[in-house]
Amino acid sequence: MANRRASERKDVTADTTGSKPFERPRPHSVDFEQALLACCILEGGQETVPVCLQGKITCDSFYVPAHRVMWQAIVDLFSDNAPINELILSDKLDSRHQLDGIGGVSYINRVCDRIDTPAHIVHYVKRVRDLELVRRVIDVSMKNISRAYSDNENLDDFIEQAENDIFAISDDRLSDAAVHVGNPLDAAVNTLQLMLQRRGDIVGVASGFTDLDKMLFGFREGDMIVIAARPSMGKTSLAMNIAENVVLPEKNVRKAVGTLFFSLEMSAEQLAMRLLCGRAGVNMTKLREGFISKRASESLLQSANELKSAPLWIDESTNLTILEMRAKARRLQSKESIGLIIVDYLQLINGDNRLPREQQISEISRGIKAMAKELKVPVIVLSQLNRESEKERRQPRLSDLRESGAIEQDADVVMLLSKQQFSSNGDDAQEQQQQFASDVVPRELIIAKQRNGPVGVVPLTFIKNLTKFENYIDLAACEC
């Protein structure tokens, strides 16, 4: 009997490095798998099966093929609200012509004899699950060994994929169990106390725009914030201005917050140039022409020195998937203190080409929200709007978000960047023409959704020759 059981546990694993195959048993425990199944059968499944499902037990959690078959039948009975015992399980397997394949009724009875009580179900679940994850690590490692010996493998792609595979196992390791209200309640009380201590001051990451921070009370950890607009409205400029205000806040006001900026559209050098000219207050067009004053040159040098010491990282990689983005953000956060992530922009993130575009965007949107929760930082993601608002000559709204309704569902805050709204009379048309010719124009940041606060319109001022947003200036009250 001992020899037969040992032979059941043996597994042949091929050495993919090209040397002679070797025999090694993959980590597993027949005893714990049997004990886990016995708990579900003896108790009737009403309490033990939910414990297993909460612990992420699946067919792949079982090493022995017969146990996989039994588990699937148990889950199907549970889904049908049917009772579970030896007789009912045997009948279920027999109707599927699987009873003889697992060893018949005698094997089910032998499994049930492994334990006397299902009281230790939690321990069995953890042990079976841990061994499954160890086997998955082995599988991933063997696959990576095979890929490492491939001459056609790109090193960067190889390391990125290997890291993603391991992190995927790590993500799957934790159970998404419900928690007692006491834990989140303590966190909520701490936040309320912080609000009271600061007397209305910003609780999250401050954007640096006064009216916006009053509406949002800062960007909060775990939040997905969407800034959407039509092309050439200044999405990237606004995102860069927020990043600048976060990493280089006013002295003695707030601490600098480390920021990671994913730029899938513009190069890091282009962003740095825009950031530098905006902070120095230098017209980029005049700079290209080579006509700037000595004072402007000194301002550029001072701004460059300030930005060099700022905790800002720019990733200009193209063709990124959401998994690669999460892996890069996780890696950087393990080395540096990152408190904000900005993505420019959502529609440029690579999705699964096998899926329709709407489903791709939905998966990307869910991935961004998951990244925010996992890393416990706010994530600002830029997005495109469709043409409907332009066709109908109106302000944009939530339904204008391009390609998927999942974006507005997943986001905690949605802000729509728009021109100032005009009526159809001739005076407004003339004013609109004047603003088009001006370097300083008003913009409206419409807060169309906010889970934890009000919605409304935040006025901003856009300085076109600096590609920079500032706090609102009443153009009618000043001579600009």
Protein backbone atom coordinates (compact mmCIF):
# COMPACT_ATOMS: atom_id res chain seq x y z
CA MET A 1 0.00 0.00 0.00
CA ALA A 2 2.82 2.43 0.91
CA ASN A 3 4.62 1.72 -2.36
CA ARG A 4 1.42 2.24 -4.39
CA ARG A 5 0.67 5.55 -2.63
CA ALA A 6 4.25 6.73 -3.27
CA SER A 7 3.88 5.93 -6.94
CA GLU A 8 0.64 7.92 -7.08
CA ARG A 9 2.46 10.97 -5.77
CA LYS A 10 5.35 10.84 -8.24
CA ASP A 11 5.46 13.27 -11.12
CA VAL A 12 7.91 13.44 -13.99
CA THR A 13 9.13 16.99 -14.63
CA ALA A 14 11.13 17.56 -17.78
CA ASP A 15 14.38 19.50 -17.55
CA THR A 16 13.81 22.11 -20.23
CA THR A 17 17.48 23.11 -20.28
CA GLY A 18 18.18 20.23 -22.62
CA SER A 19 19.84 17.85 -20.16
CA LYS A 20 18.48 14.45 -19.17
CA PRO A 21 14.93 14.58 -17.73
CA PHE A 22 14.77 14.10 -13.99
CA GLU A 23 12.09 12.71 -11.74
CA ARG A 24 10.90 14.78 -8.85
CA PRO A 25 7.56 14.72 -7.05
CA ARG A 26 5.72 18.03 -7.35
CA PRO A 27 4.70 19.46 -3.96
CA HIS A 28 1.31 18.13 -2.92
CA SER A 29 -0.44 16.25 -0.14
CA VAL A 30 -2.93 13.50 -0.89
CA ASP A 31 -3.89 13.42 2.78
CA PHE A 32 -4.83 17.10 2.96
CA GLU A 33 -6.71 16.97 -0.33
CA GLN A 34 -8.73 14.02 0.93
CA ALA A 35 -9.37 15.77 4.25
CA LEU A 36 -10.61 18.87 2.46
CA LEU A 37 -13.03 16.89 0.29
CA ALA A 38 -14.18 14.91 3.32
CA CYS A 39 -15.08 18.13 5.16
CA CYS A 40 -17.38 19.17 2.32
CA ILE A 41 -19.02 15.75 2.07
CA LEU A 42 -19.51 15.06 5.78
CA GLU A 43 -20.83 18.53 6.65
CA GLY A 44 -23.18 18.69 3.67
CA GLY A 45 -21.34 21.54 1.96
CA GLN A 46 -23.50 24.40 3.20
CA GLU A 47 -20.77 25.91 5.37
CA THR A 48 -17.58 24.22 4.20
CA VAL A 49 -17.90 24.82 0.45
CA PRO A 50 -18.19 28.63 0.93
CA VAL A 51 -15.05 28.51 3.10
CA CYS A 52 -13.24 26.71 0.27
CA LEU A 53 -14.47 29.13 -2.39
CA GLN A 54 -13.49 32.10 -0.25
CA GLY A 55 -10.04 30.53 0.06
CA LYS A 56 -9.87 30.41 -3.77
CA ILE A 57 -9.95 26.63 -3.99
CA THR A 58 -10.52 25.48 -7.59
CA CYS A 59 -10.04 22.24 -9.52
CA ASP A 60 -6.42 23.28 -10.12
CA SER A 61 -5.86 23.32 -6.36
CA PHE A 62 -5.99 19.51 -6.36
CA TYR A 63 -3.02 17.51 -7.59
CA VAL A 64 -4.77 14.13 -7.85
CA PRO A 65 -7.05 13.95 -10.96
CA ALA A 66 -9.74 12.04 -9.07
CA HIS A 67 -9.92 14.81 -6.50
CA ARG A 68 -10.44 17.39 -9.22
CA VAL A 69 -13.38 15.44 -10.55
CA MET A 70 -14.89 15.10 -7.08
CA TRP A 71 -14.44 18.79 -6.32
CA GLN A 72 -16.18 19.86 -9.53
CA ALA A 73 -19.13 17.62 -8.72
CA ILE A 74 -19.30 19.05 -5.17
CA VAL A 75 -19.31 22.62 -6.50
CA ASP A 76 -22.03 21.77 -9.04
CA LEU A 77 -24.22 20.25 -6.31
CA PHE A 78 -23.66 23.32 -4.14
CA SER A 79 -24.59 25.62 -7.04
CA ASP A 80 -27.83 23.68 -7.51
CA ASN A 81 -28.63 24.02 -3.78
CA ALA A 82 -28.56 20.23 -3.51
CA PRO A 83 -27.46 18.44 -0.33
CA ILE A 84 -24.07 16.72 -0.37
CA ASN A 85 -23.19 13.32 1.09
CA GLU A 86 -21.50 10.11 -0.08
CA LEU A 87 -24.64 8.73 -1.75
CA ILE A 88 -25.63 11.95 -3.57
CA LEU A 89 -22.05 12.59 -4.73
CA SER A 90 -21.75 9.01 -6.01
CA ASP A 91 -24.99 9.37 -7.94
CA LYS A 92 -23.81 12.68 -9.45
CA LEU A 93 -20.54 11.17 -10.61
CA ASP A 94 -22.28 8.06 -11.92
CA SER A 95 -24.64 10.17 -14.02
CA ARG A 96 -21.59 11.76 -15.61
CA HIS A 97 -19.90 8.38 -16.14
CA GLN A 98 -17.05 9.47 -13.86
CA LEU A 99 -17.63 7.24 -10.83
CA ASP A 100 -15.55 4.29 -12.01
CA GLY A 101 -12.77 6.65 -13.13
CA ILE A 102 -12.15 7.91 -9.60
CA GLY A 103 -12.19 4.45 -8.03
CA GLY A 104 -15.91 3.95 -7.40
CA VAL A 105 -17.97 4.30 -4.24
CA SER A 106 -15.22 2.64 -2.24
CA TYR A 107 -12.82 5.51 -2.91
CA ILE A 108 -15.41 8.11 -1.85
CA ASN A 109 -15.94 6.19 1.38
CA ARG A 110 -12.18 5.99 1.91
CA VAL A 111 -11.90 9.78 1.45
CA CYS A 112 -14.65 10.35 4.00
CA ASP A 113 -12.88 8.10 6.50
CA ARG A 114 -9.85 10.42 6.53
CA ILE A 115 -11.34 12.71 9.20
CA ASP A 116 -13.88 12.61 12.01
CA THR A 117 -14.95 16.27 11.96
CA PRO A 118 -14.82 19.22 9.53
CA ALA A 119 -13.71 21.54 12.34
CA HIS A 120 -10.25 22.07 10.82
CA ILE A 121 -11.45 23.01 7.33
CA VAL A 122 -9.60 26.37 7.36
CA HIS A 123 -6.27 24.65 7.96
CA TYR A 124 -6.89 22.15 5.17
CA VAL A 125 -7.83 24.94 2.75
CA LYS A 126 -4.66 26.88 3.50
CA ARG A 127 -2.43 23.82 3.10
CA VAL A 128 -3.96 22.72 -0.20
CA ARG A 129 -3.91 26.26 -1.54
CA ASP A 130 -0.28 26.86 -0.52
CA LEU A 131 0.83 23.71 -2.30
CA GLU A 132 -1.07 24.78 -5.44
CA LEU A 133 0.74 28.12 -5.47
CA VAL A 134 4.11 26.43 -5.01
CA ARG A 135 3.35 24.22 -8.03
CA ARG A 136 2.43 27.31 -10.04
CA VAL A 137 5.75 28.92 -9.10
CA ILE A 138 7.51 25.78 -10.33
CA ASP A 139 5.57 25.85 -13.61
CA VAL A 140 6.37 29.53 -14.18
CA SER A 141 10.02 28.97 -13.31
CA MET A 142 10.33 26.03 -15.70
CA LYS A 143 8.69 28.07 -18.45
CA ASN A 144 11.08 30.93 -17.85
CA ILE A 145 14.06 28.57 -17.90
CA SER A 146 12.90 27.33 -21.29
CA ARG A 147 12.48 30.89 -22.56
CA ALA A 148 15.87 31.90 -21.17
CA TYR A 149 17.53 29.30 -23.40
CA SER A 150 15.74 30.64 -26.49
CA ASP A 151 18.02 32.63 -28.78
CA ASN A 152 15.10 34.65 -30.14
CA GLU A 153 14.01 36.07 -26.77
CA ASN A 154 14.26 39.82 -26.22
CA LEU A 155 15.82 40.41 -22.79
CA ASP A 156 13.55 43.29 -21.77
CA ASP A 157 10.42 41.39 -22.82
CA PHE A 158 11.66 38.26 -21.07
CA ILE A 159 12.33 39.98 -17.74
CA GLU A 160 9.03 41.90 -17.91
CA GLN A 161 7.00 38.75 -18.60
CA ALA A 162 8.82 36.73 -15.92
CA GLU A 163 8.14 39.42 -13.37
CA ASN A 164 4.48 39.67 -14.38
CA ASP A 165 4.05 35.90 -14.07
CA ILE A 166 5.43 35.87 -10.53
CA PHE A 167 3.44 38.94 -9.48
CA ALA A 168 0.28 37.34 -10.88
CA ILE A 169 0.79 34.44 -8.48
CA SER A 170 1.48 36.86 -5.64
CA ASP A 171 -1.72 38.79 -6.41
CA ASP A 172 -3.71 35.56 -6.43
CA ARG A 173 -2.25 34.50 -3.10
CA LEU A 174 -4.47 36.73 -0.98
CA SER A 175 -8.07 35.90 -0.32
CA ASP A 176 -10.66 38.62 -0.97
CA ALA A 177 -12.56 37.86 2.20
CA ALA A 178 -15.03 40.22 3.81
CA VAL A 179 -13.76 42.14 6.83
CA HIS A 180 -15.62 43.24 9.92
CA VAL A 181 -16.84 46.82 9.80
CA GLY A 182 -14.61 47.66 12.76
CA ASN A 183 -11.41 47.74 10.68
CA PRO A 184 -12.55 50.18 7.97
CA LEU A 185 -14.46 52.12 10.64
CA ASP A 186 -11.21 52.76 12.54
CA ALA A 187 -9.63 54.04 9.33
CA ALA A 188 -12.64 56.29 8.69
CA VAL A 189 -12.45 57.73 12.21
CA ASN A 190 -8.74 58.47 11.75
CA THR A 191 -9.52 60.29 8.49
CA LEU A 192 -12.28 62.31 10.18
CA GLN A 193 -9.94 63.26 13.01
CA LEU A 194 -7.36 64.36 10.46
CA MET A 195 -10.00 66.52 8.74
CA LEU A 196 -10.96 68.13 12.04
CA GLN A 197 -7.33 68.77 12.95
CA ARG A 198 -6.69 70.41 9.60
CA ARG A 199 -9.97 72.33 9.76
CA GLY A 200 -10.98 71.82 6.14
CA ASP A 201 -7.46 71.54 4.78
CA ILE A 202 -6.59 69.01 2.07
CA VAL A 203 -6.56 65.38 3.25
CA GLY A 204 -5.26 63.66 0.11
CA VAL A 205 -2.68 64.70 -2.49
CA ALA A 206 -3.24 68.38 -3.34
CA SER A 207 -3.49 69.30 -7.02
CA GLY A 208 -2.20 72.83 -6.44
CA PHE A 209 -5.36 74.35 -7.95
CA THR A 210 -7.26 76.11 -5.18
CA ASP A 211 -10.84 75.69 -6.43
CA LEU A 212 -10.26 72.08 -7.44
CA ASP A 213 -8.79 71.15 -4.06
CA LYS A 214 -11.77 72.74 -2.31
CA MET A 215 -14.09 70.47 -4.29
CA LEU A 216 -12.10 67.24 -3.97
CA PHE A 217 -10.15 67.74 -0.71
CA GLY A 218 -7.22 66.23 -2.58
CA PHE A 219 -6.71 63.01 -4.51
CA ARG A 220 -7.17 60.08 -2.12
CA GLU A 221 -5.26 56.82 -2.02
CA GLY A 222 -6.86 54.01 -3.99
CA ASP A 223 -8.88 56.44 -6.14
CA MET A 224 -9.00 56.35 -9.93
CA ILE A 225 -9.33 59.92 -11.24
CA VAL A 226 -10.19 60.43 -14.91
CA ILE A 227 -9.41 63.67 -16.75
CA ALA A 228 -11.13 63.55 -20.15
CA ALA A 229 -11.29 66.00 -23.03
CA ARG A 230 -11.27 66.33 -26.78
CA PRO A 231 -7.83 66.54 -28.49
CA SER A 232 -5.82 69.77 -28.08
CA MET A 233 -7.79 70.88 -25.02
CA GLY A 234 -4.76 70.62 -22.71
CA LYS A 235 -5.17 67.23 -20.96
CA THR A 236 -1.43 66.56 -20.89
CA SER A 237 -0.66 70.14 -19.83
CA LEU A 238 -3.10 69.92 -16.92
CA ALA A 239 -1.65 66.56 -15.86
CA MET A 240 1.90 67.93 -16.01
CA ASN A 241 0.87 71.02 -14.03
CA ILE A 242 -0.64 68.80 -11.34
CA ALA A 243 2.56 66.72 -11.28
CA GLU A 244 4.63 69.90 -10.94
CA ASN A 245 2.48 71.19 -8.08
CA VAL A 246 2.73 67.82 -6.33
CA VAL A 247 6.50 67.29 -6.60
CA LEU A 248 7.38 70.97 -6.10
CA PRO A 249 4.73 72.38 -3.75
CA GLU A 250 4.92 75.87 -2.30
CA LYS A 251 7.44 76.08 0.51
CA ASN A 252 6.16 75.44 4.04
CA VAL A 253 2.74 74.42 2.68
CA ARG A 254 2.92 70.70 1.91
CA LYS A 255 5.54 68.02 1.49
CA ALA A 256 6.59 66.88 -1.96
CA VAL A 257 4.89 63.69 -3.12
CA GLY A 258 6.75 61.22 -5.36
CA THR A 259 5.02 60.95 -8.75
CA LEU A 260 5.29 58.43 -11.58
CA PHE A 261 4.18 59.71 -15.00
CA PHE A 262 3.44 57.15 -17.73
CA SER A 263 3.64 59.00 -21.06
CA LEU A 264 2.46 56.74 -23.88
CA GLU A 265 2.13 59.60 -26.35
CA MET A 266 4.93 62.13 -25.78
CA SER A 267 8.62 61.51 -25.15
CA ALA A 268 10.17 62.25 -21.76
CA GLU A 269 12.25 65.02 -23.34
CA GLN A 270 9.14 66.74 -24.74
CA LEU A 271 7.43 66.58 -21.37
CA ALA A 272 10.54 67.88 -19.61
CA MET A 273 10.76 70.79 -22.06
CA ARG A 274 7.11 71.68 -21.50
CA LEU A 275 7.50 71.38 -17.74
CA LEU A 276 10.67 73.49 -17.73
CA CYS A 277 9.27 76.33 -19.87
CA GLY A 278 6.00 76.42 -17.93
CA ARG A 279 7.74 76.65 -14.57
CA ALA A 280 10.21 79.26 -15.78
CA GLY A 281 7.47 81.26 -17.51
CA VAL A 282 9.30 81.23 -20.84
CA ASN A 283 7.50 81.26 -24.18
CA MET A 284 8.46 77.99 -25.89
CA THR A 285 8.06 79.52 -29.37
CA LYS A 286 10.53 82.31 -28.59
CA LEU A 287 12.86 79.76 -27.07
CA ARG A 288 12.88 77.74 -30.28
CA GLU A 289 13.63 80.91 -32.22
CA GLY A 290 16.53 81.66 -29.88
CA PHE A 291 15.23 85.05 -28.74
CA ILE A 292 14.96 85.15 -24.96
CA SER A 293 16.26 87.62 -22.42
CA LYS A 294 19.06 87.07 -19.95
CA ARG A 295 16.48 87.06 -17.16
CA ALA A 296 14.54 84.28 -18.93
CA SER A 297 17.76 82.27 -19.30
CA GLU A 298 18.45 82.58 -15.58
CA SER A 299 14.87 81.54 -14.82
CA LEU A 300 15.27 78.44 -17.02
CA LEU A 301 18.47 77.48 -15.23
CA GLN A 302 16.90 77.92 -11.79
CA SER A 303 13.82 75.91 -12.79
CA ALA A 304 16.01 73.13 -14.21
CA ASN A 305 17.88 72.85 -10.91
CA GLU A 306 14.59 72.68 -8.99
CA LEU A 307 13.14 70.01 -11.26
CA LYS A 308 16.31 67.89 -11.13
CA SER A 309 15.82 67.39 -7.41
CA ALA A 310 12.07 66.78 -7.67
CA PRO A 311 10.73 63.26 -6.95
CA LEU A 312 9.30 62.84 -10.47
CA TRP A 313 9.80 59.78 -12.69
CA ILE A 314 8.71 59.65 -16.33
CA ASP A 315 8.19 56.35 -18.18
CA GLU A 316 7.99 56.97 -21.93
CA SER A 317 7.48 53.31 -22.92
CA THR A 318 5.05 52.67 -25.75
CA ASN A 319 2.85 49.63 -26.34
CA LEU A 320 2.48 49.01 -22.61
CA THR A 321 -0.12 46.58 -21.33
CA ILE A 322 -1.87 47.22 -18.04
CA LEU A 323 0.00 44.27 -16.48
CA GLU A 324 3.34 45.74 -17.53
CA MET A 325 2.31 49.11 -16.19
CA ARG A 326 1.33 47.64 -12.83
CA ALA A 327 4.60 45.72 -12.65
CA LYS A 328 6.67 48.84 -13.36
CA ALA A 329 4.74 50.91 -10.83
CA ARG A 330 5.07 48.19 -8.21
CA ARG A 331 8.80 47.87 -8.85
CA LEU A 332 9.42 51.62 -8.56
CA GLN A 333 7.29 51.92 -5.44
CA SER A 334 9.38 49.20 -3.79
CA LYS A 335 12.45 51.42 -4.28
CA GLU A 336 11.05 54.95 -4.02
CA SER A 337 8.24 56.69 -2.16
CA ILE A 338 5.52 57.01 -4.81
CA GLY A 339 2.30 58.78 -3.79
CA LEU A 340 0.74 59.56 -7.18
CA ILE A 341 0.60 57.89 -10.61
CA ILE A 342 -0.44 59.66 -13.82
CA VAL A 343 -1.23 57.83 -17.07
CA ASP A 344 -1.33 59.68 -20.41
CA TYR A 345 -3.53 58.26 -21.79
CA LEU A 346 -5.93 55.32 -21.33
CA GLN A 347 -6.77 54.57 -24.97
CA LEU A 348 -3.06 54.09 -25.80
CA ILE A 349 -2.63 51.20 -23.34
CA ASN A 350 -2.40 47.89 -25.17
CA GLY A 351 -5.31 45.49 -24.65
CA ASP A 352 -5.98 41.88 -25.59
CA ASN A 353 -6.41 42.00 -29.37
CA ARG A 354 -8.57 38.89 -29.23
CA LEU A 355 -11.31 40.89 -27.52
CA PRO A 356 -13.57 43.61 -28.95
CA ARG A 357 -12.27 47.12 -28.30
CA GLU A 358 -14.97 47.91 -25.75
CA GLN A 359 -13.99 44.85 -23.70
CA GLN A 360 -10.33 45.77 -24.00
CA ILE A 361 -10.99 49.24 -22.58
CA SER A 362 -13.10 47.70 -19.81
CA GLU A 363 -10.24 45.40 -18.78
CA ILE A 364 -7.75 48.26 -18.90
CA SER A 365 -10.04 50.45 -16.79
CA ARG A 366 -10.47 47.70 -14.18
CA GLY A 367 -6.70 47.18 -14.19
CA ILE A 368 -6.04 50.86 -13.47
CA LYS A 369 -8.49 50.81 -10.57
CA ALA A 370 -6.88 47.62 -9.27
CA MET A 371 -3.44 49.29 -9.48
CA ALA A 372 -4.69 52.23 -7.42
CA LYS A 373 -6.07 49.93 -4.72
CA GLU A 374 -3.06 47.61 -4.74
CA LEU A 375 -0.43 50.36 -4.45
CA LYS A 376 -2.66 52.54 -2.24
CA VAL A 377 -2.07 55.69 -4.28
CA PRO A 378 -4.35 57.89 -6.38
CA VAL A 379 -4.05 57.21 -10.10
CA ILE A 380 -4.89 60.01 -12.54
CA VAL A 381 -5.62 58.67 -16.01
CA LEU A 382 -6.26 60.83 -19.05
CA SER A 383 -8.92 59.79 -21.54
CA GLN A 384 -10.38 60.86 -24.84
CA LEU A 385 -13.94 62.09 -25.36
CA ASN A 386 -15.97 61.28 -28.46
CA ARG A 387 -17.19 63.94 -30.91
CA GLU A 388 -20.80 64.12 -29.72
CA SER A 389 -20.33 67.26 -27.62
CA GLU A 390 -18.77 69.08 -30.58
CA LYS A 391 -21.48 67.96 -32.98
CA GLU A 392 -24.25 69.09 -30.64
CA ARG A 393 -22.36 72.26 -29.57
CA ARG A 394 -22.71 71.55 -25.85
CA GLN A 395 -20.55 70.91 -22.80
CA PRO A 396 -19.24 67.31 -22.49
CA ARG A 397 -20.85 64.82 -20.15
CA LEU A 398 -20.11 61.35 -18.74
CA SER A 399 -21.68 59.52 -21.65
CA ASP A 400 -19.11 61.14 -23.97
CA LEU A 401 -16.27 59.04 -22.56
CA ARG A 402 -14.82 57.22 -25.52
CA GLU A 403 -15.16 53.49 -26.31
CA SER A 404 -16.49 52.10 -23.03
CA GLY A 405 -18.96 52.87 -20.25
CA ALA A 406 -16.70 50.95 -17.84
CA ILE A 407 -14.50 54.02 -17.40
CA GLU A 408 -17.22 56.06 -15.70
CA GLN A 409 -18.21 53.01 -13.60
CA ASP A 410 -14.68 52.26 -12.34
CA ALA A 411 -13.60 55.87 -11.77
CA ASP A 412 -14.02 57.52 -8.38
CA VAL A 413 -13.72 60.99 -9.90
CA VAL A 414 -14.38 62.03 -13.51
CA MET A 415 -13.35 65.51 -14.65
CA LEU A 416 -14.16 66.82 -18.12
CA LEU A 417 -11.96 69.60 -19.48
CA SER A 418 -13.85 72.01 -21.73
CA LYS A 419 -13.87 75.49 -23.18
CA GLN A 420 -15.96 78.07 -21.39
CA GLN A 421 -19.60 77.69 -22.39
CA PHE A 422 -21.07 80.36 -24.65
CA SER A 423 -24.59 81.13 -25.70
CA SER A 424 -25.58 81.53 -29.33
CA ASN A 425 -25.89 85.35 -29.51
CA GLY A 426 -23.49 87.48 -31.48
CA ASP A 427 -21.75 89.06 -28.46
CA ASP A 428 -20.61 85.70 -27.19
CA ALA A 429 -19.42 84.72 -30.65
CA GLN A 430 -17.32 87.89 -30.76
CA GLU A 431 -15.94 87.18 -27.28
CA GLN A 432 -15.10 83.65 -28.33
CA GLN A 433 -13.15 85.00 -31.31
CA GLN A 434 -11.24 87.39 -29.05
CA GLN A 435 -10.32 84.60 -26.67
CA PHE A 436 -9.12 82.45 -29.55
CA ALA A 437 -6.63 85.18 -30.45
CA SER A 438 -5.59 85.71 -26.81
CA ASP A 439 -2.77 83.88 -25.03
CA VAL A 440 -4.82 83.67 -21.82
CA VAL A 441 -8.13 81.83 -22.11
CA PRO A 442 -10.66 80.45 -19.61
CA ARG A 443 -11.26 76.72 -19.27
CA GLU A 444 -13.87 74.77 -17.32
CA LEU A 445 -13.04 71.58 -15.46
CA ILE A 446 -16.40 69.88 -15.03
CA ILE A 447 -16.47 67.46 -12.09
CA ALA A 448 -19.08 65.12 -13.55
CA LYS A 449 -18.65 62.36 -10.95
CA GLN A 450 -17.29 62.21 -7.42
CA ARG A 451 -18.07 59.27 -5.16
CA ASN A 452 -17.31 61.11 -1.94
CA GLY A 453 -18.26 64.67 -2.69
CA PRO A 454 -20.19 67.17 -4.78
CA VAL A 455 -20.10 67.67 -8.53
CA GLY A 456 -19.78 71.03 -10.22
CA VAL A 457 -17.59 73.25 -12.39
CA VAL A 458 -14.10 74.43 -11.50
CA PRO A 459 -12.89 77.45 -13.53
CA LEU A 460 -9.25 77.48 -14.66
CA THR A 461 -7.10 79.76 -16.75
CA PHE A 462 -4.99 78.37 -19.60
CA ILE A 463 -1.89 80.26 -20.73
CA LYS A 464 -1.41 79.05 -24.29
CA ASN A 465 2.11 80.32 -24.97
CA LEU A 466 3.32 78.51 -21.83
CA THR A 467 0.96 75.49 -22.25
CA LYS A 468 0.18 75.92 -18.57
CA PHE A 469 -2.92 76.03 -16.37
CA GLU A 470 -3.26 78.47 -13.48
CA ASN A 471 -5.89 79.25 -10.89
CA TYR A 472 -8.79 81.09 -12.43
CA ILE A 473 -8.29 84.71 -13.48
CA ASP A 474 -11.36 86.82 -14.20
CA LEU A 475 -10.46 87.99 -17.68
CA ALA A 476 -13.27 90.55 -17.74
CA ALA A 477 -11.95 92.24 -14.59
CA CYS A 478 -8.35 92.60 -15.75
CA GLU A 479 -6.53 93.81 -18.79
CA CYS A 480 -4.86 90.67 -20.15
